[in-house]
C-alpha atoms as a PDB file:
ATOM      1  CA  MET A   1      13.985  12.558   5.586  1.00  0.00           C
ATOM      2  CA  PRO A   2      11.242  12.508   2.969  1.00  0.00           C
ATOM      3  CA  LEU A   3       7.516  13.395   4.862  1.00  0.00           C
ATOM      4  CA  THR A   4       5.291  10.467   4.262  1.00  0.00           C
ATOM      5  CA  ARG A   5       1.418  10.462   4.576  1.00  0.00           C
ATOM      6  CA  ASN A   6      -0.743   8.004   5.257  1.00  0.00           C
ATOM      7  CA  PRO A   7      -3.675   7.187   2.927  1.00  0.00           C
ATOM      8  CA  ILE A   8      -7.273   8.221   4.522  1.00  0.00           C
ATOM      9  CA  GLU A   9      -9.845   5.135   4.259  1.00  0.00           C
ATOM     10  CA  ILE A  10     -13.212   6.554   3.482  1.00  0.00           C
ATOM     11  CA  PRO A  11     -16.532   5.061   3.452  1.00  0.00           C
ATOM     12  CA  PRO A  12     -17.187   3.145  -0.418  1.00  0.00           C
ATOM     13  CA  ASP A  13     -20.571   5.790  -0.300  1.00  0.00           C
ATOM     14  CA  ALA A  14     -18.225   8.718  -0.006  1.00  0.00           C
ATOM     15  CA  ALA A  15     -15.661   7.524  -2.488  1.00  0.00           C
ATOM     16  CA  LYS A  16     -18.213   6.949  -4.681  1.00  0.00           C
ATOM     17  CA  ALA A  17     -19.897  10.440  -4.415  1.00  0.00           C
ATOM     18  CA  PHE A  18     -16.123  11.250  -5.120  1.00  0.00           C
ATOM     19  CA  MET A  19     -15.599   9.648  -8.527  1.00  0.00           C
ATOM     20  CA  ARG A  20     -18.471  11.334  -9.468  1.00  0.00           C
ATOM     21  CA  ASP A  21     -17.709  14.823  -8.196  1.00  0.00           C
ATOM     22  CA  LEU A  22     -14.383  13.956  -9.911  1.00  0.00           C
ATOM     23  CA  ARG A  23     -16.434  13.229 -13.379  1.00  0.00           C
ATOM     24  CA  ALA A  24     -18.466  16.170 -13.229  1.00  0.00           C
ATOM     25  CA  TYR A  25     -15.899  18.450 -12.519  1.00  0.00           C
ATOM     26  CA  HIS A  26     -13.677  17.512 -15.347  1.00  0.00           C
ATOM     27  CA  ASN A  27     -16.857  17.862 -17.462  1.00  0.00           C
ATOM     28  CA  THR A  28     -17.839  21.336 -17.071  1.00  0.00           C
ATOM     29  CA  LYS A  29     -15.707  24.152 -18.321  1.00  0.00           C
ATOM     30  CA  ASP A  30     -17.812  26.755 -15.712  1.00  0.00           C
ATOM     31  CA  GLY A  31     -15.415  27.778 -13.440  1.00  0.00           C
ATOM     32  CA  ASP A  32     -18.440  28.409 -10.505  1.00  0.00           C
ATOM     33  CA  ALA A  33     -20.023  25.042 -11.123  1.00  0.00           C
ATOM     34  CA  ARG A  34     -15.782  23.479 -10.287  1.00  0.00           C
ATOM     35  CA  THR A  35     -15.576  25.807  -7.520  1.00  0.00           C
ATOM     36  CA  ALA A  36     -18.936  24.222  -5.960  1.00  0.00           C
ATOM     37  CA  ILE A  37     -17.638  20.584  -6.693  1.00  0.00           C
ATOM     38  CA  ALA A  38     -14.288  21.092  -5.007  1.00  0.00           C
ATOM     39  CA  ALA A  39     -16.007  22.957  -2.096  1.00  0.00           C
ATOM     40  CA  ARG A  40     -18.768  19.918  -1.688  1.00  0.00           C
ATOM     41  CA  GLN A  41     -15.641  17.204  -1.650  1.00  0.00           C
ATOM     42  CA  ALA A  42     -13.554  19.353   0.538  1.00  0.00           C
ATOM     43  CA  GLU A  43     -16.191  19.502   3.076  1.00  0.00           C
ATOM     44  CA  GLN A  44     -17.167  15.849   2.763  1.00  0.00           C
ATOM     45  CA  LEU A  45     -13.201  14.331   2.519  1.00  0.00           C
ATOM     46  CA  SER A  46     -12.779  16.834   6.207  1.00  0.00           C
ATOM     47  CA  LYS A  47     -15.250  14.562   8.159  1.00  0.00           C
ATOM     48  CA  HIS A  48     -13.068  11.870   7.035  1.00  0.00           C
ATOM     49  CA  VAL A  49      -9.400  12.971   7.883  1.00  0.00           C
ATOM     50  CA  ARG A  50      -8.286  14.815  11.269  1.00  0.00           C
ATOM     51  CA  SER A  51      -8.106  18.260   9.695  1.00  0.00           C
ATOM     52  CA  SER A  52      -9.606  20.463   7.367  1.00  0.00           C
ATOM     53  CA  VAL A  53      -8.772  19.934   3.523  1.00  0.00           C
ATOM     54  CA  LYS A  54      -8.755  23.252   1.781  1.00  0.00           C
ATOM     55  CA  LEU A  55     -10.935  24.051  -1.799  1.00  0.00           C
ATOM     56  CA  ALA A  56      -7.094  24.380  -3.118  1.00  0.00           C
ATOM     57  CA  GLU A  57      -6.363  21.407  -2.548  1.00  0.00           C
ATOM     58  CA  VAL A  58      -9.056  19.454  -3.644  1.00  0.00           C
ATOM     59  CA  LYS A  59      -9.052  21.506  -6.699  1.00  0.00           C
ATOM     60  CA  GLU A  60      -5.380  20.309  -7.304  1.00  0.00           C
ATOM     61  CA  LEU A  61      -6.078  16.248  -6.362  1.00  0.00           C
ATOM     62  CA  PHE A  62      -9.001  16.750  -8.884  1.00  0.00           C
ATOM     63  CA  GLU A  63      -6.359  18.270 -11.611  1.00  0.00           C
ATOM     64  CA  ARG A  64      -4.135  15.496 -10.502  1.00  0.00           C
ATOM     65  CA  MET A  65      -6.732  12.556 -11.245  1.00  0.00           C
ATOM     66  CA  LYS A  66      -7.704  13.866 -14.995  1.00  0.00           C
ATOM     67  CA  GLY A  67      -8.164  11.039 -16.991  1.00  0.00           C
ATOM     68  CA  GLN A  68      -8.346   8.539 -14.083  1.00  0.00           C
ATOM     69  CA  SER A  69     -12.499   8.380 -13.657  1.00  0.00           C
END
């Protein structure tokens, strides 16, 4: 049986901030800046889900969403 996940719902302001950070992440090549951006979003997303969101998960999400901003 495949594992399914329910989509998370986040407030519009948080979604806009996520997309802003997604663009900023892909517009910089500075590794420290990318880590700071992903860390900020991990903290913010953790507020809207029942478990903590890991930095590596946000970085993977940003990579998968490249070109969608």
